[in-house]
Amino acid sequence: MTHEVLTGHPVEELARAAEHALAVVVGRRGRGGYTGMRMGSVVHGLLHRAHCPVITVPTA
């Protein structure tokens, strides 16, 4: 297993990392600027920028 630490805006880095992925899975807390939609700004940004399906999983 390898680990990679990226610096930059989370949406841009996750979208870039998922360019050749079948899907990207991200957690969501349902807080922040998009509370009514129950997703955060990173998930919202990925929905607009990722070229693959975005799967959201609520945190416990």
Protein backbone atom coordinates (compact mmCIF):
# COMPACT_ATOMS: atom_id res chain seq x y z
CA MET A 1 0.00 0.00 0.00
CA THR A 2 1.26 3.49 -0.78
CA HIS A 3 0.27 6.85 0.63
CA GLU A 4 0.47 10.19 -1.10
CA VAL A 5 0.04 13.58 0.54
CA LEU A 6 -1.16 16.26 -1.84
CA THR A 7 -1.25 19.99 -1.29
CA GLY A 8 -3.80 22.21 -2.95
CA HIS A 9 -7.53 22.72 -3.00
CA PRO A 10 -9.32 19.49 -1.99
CA VAL A 11 -11.81 19.59 -4.87
CA GLU A 12 -9.13 20.11 -7.51
CA GLU A 13 -6.81 17.45 -6.08
CA LEU A 14 -9.56 14.85 -5.64
CA ALA A 15 -10.94 15.52 -9.13
CA ARG A 16 -7.43 15.17 -10.59
CA ALA A 17 -6.79 11.97 -8.64
CA ALA A 18 -10.10 10.52 -9.88
CA GLU A 19 -9.52 11.32 -13.58
CA HIS A 20 -9.18 7.66 -14.53
CA ALA A 21 -11.30 6.19 -11.73
CA LEU A 22 -14.57 4.35 -12.16
CA ALA A 23 -15.97 6.30 -9.18
CA VAL A 24 -14.85 8.43 -6.26
CA VAL A 25 -16.18 7.80 -2.73
CA VAL A 26 -16.19 10.65 -0.21
CA GLY A 27 -17.62 11.05 3.26
CA ARG A 28 -20.02 13.82 4.14
CA ARG A 29 -21.07 15.39 7.41
CA GLY A 30 -24.02 17.47 6.25
CA ARG A 31 -22.59 20.71 7.68
CA GLY A 32 -21.22 23.90 6.20
CA GLY A 33 -22.50 26.13 3.43
CA TYR A 34 -24.68 23.45 1.86
CA THR A 35 -26.48 22.25 5.01
CA GLY A 36 -29.87 22.20 3.30
CA MET A 37 -28.52 19.83 0.66
CA ARG A 38 -26.79 17.69 3.34
CA MET A 39 -23.41 17.88 1.64
CA GLY A 40 -20.30 19.95 2.06
CA SER A 41 -18.47 22.18 -0.35
CA VAL A 42 -15.98 19.45 -1.33
CA VAL A 43 -18.71 17.01 -2.35
CA HIS A 44 -20.58 19.79 -4.12
CA GLY A 45 -17.43 20.77 -6.02
CA LEU A 46 -16.68 17.17 -6.97
CA LEU A 47 -20.17 16.74 -8.38
CA HIS A 48 -19.33 19.55 -10.81
CA ARG A 49 -15.71 18.62 -11.62
CA ALA A 50 -15.22 14.87 -11.39
CA HIS A 51 -15.48 12.94 -14.66
CA CYS A 52 -16.78 9.85 -12.87
CA PRO A 53 -19.65 9.10 -10.50
CA VAL A 54 -19.32 10.63 -7.03
CA ILE A 55 -20.58 8.41 -4.21
CA THR A 56 -21.22 10.08 -0.85
CA VAL A 57 -21.25 8.20 2.43
CA PRO A 58 -22.61 9.87 5.57
CA THR A 59 -20.33 9.83 8.60
CA ALA A 60 -21.58 8.27 11.80
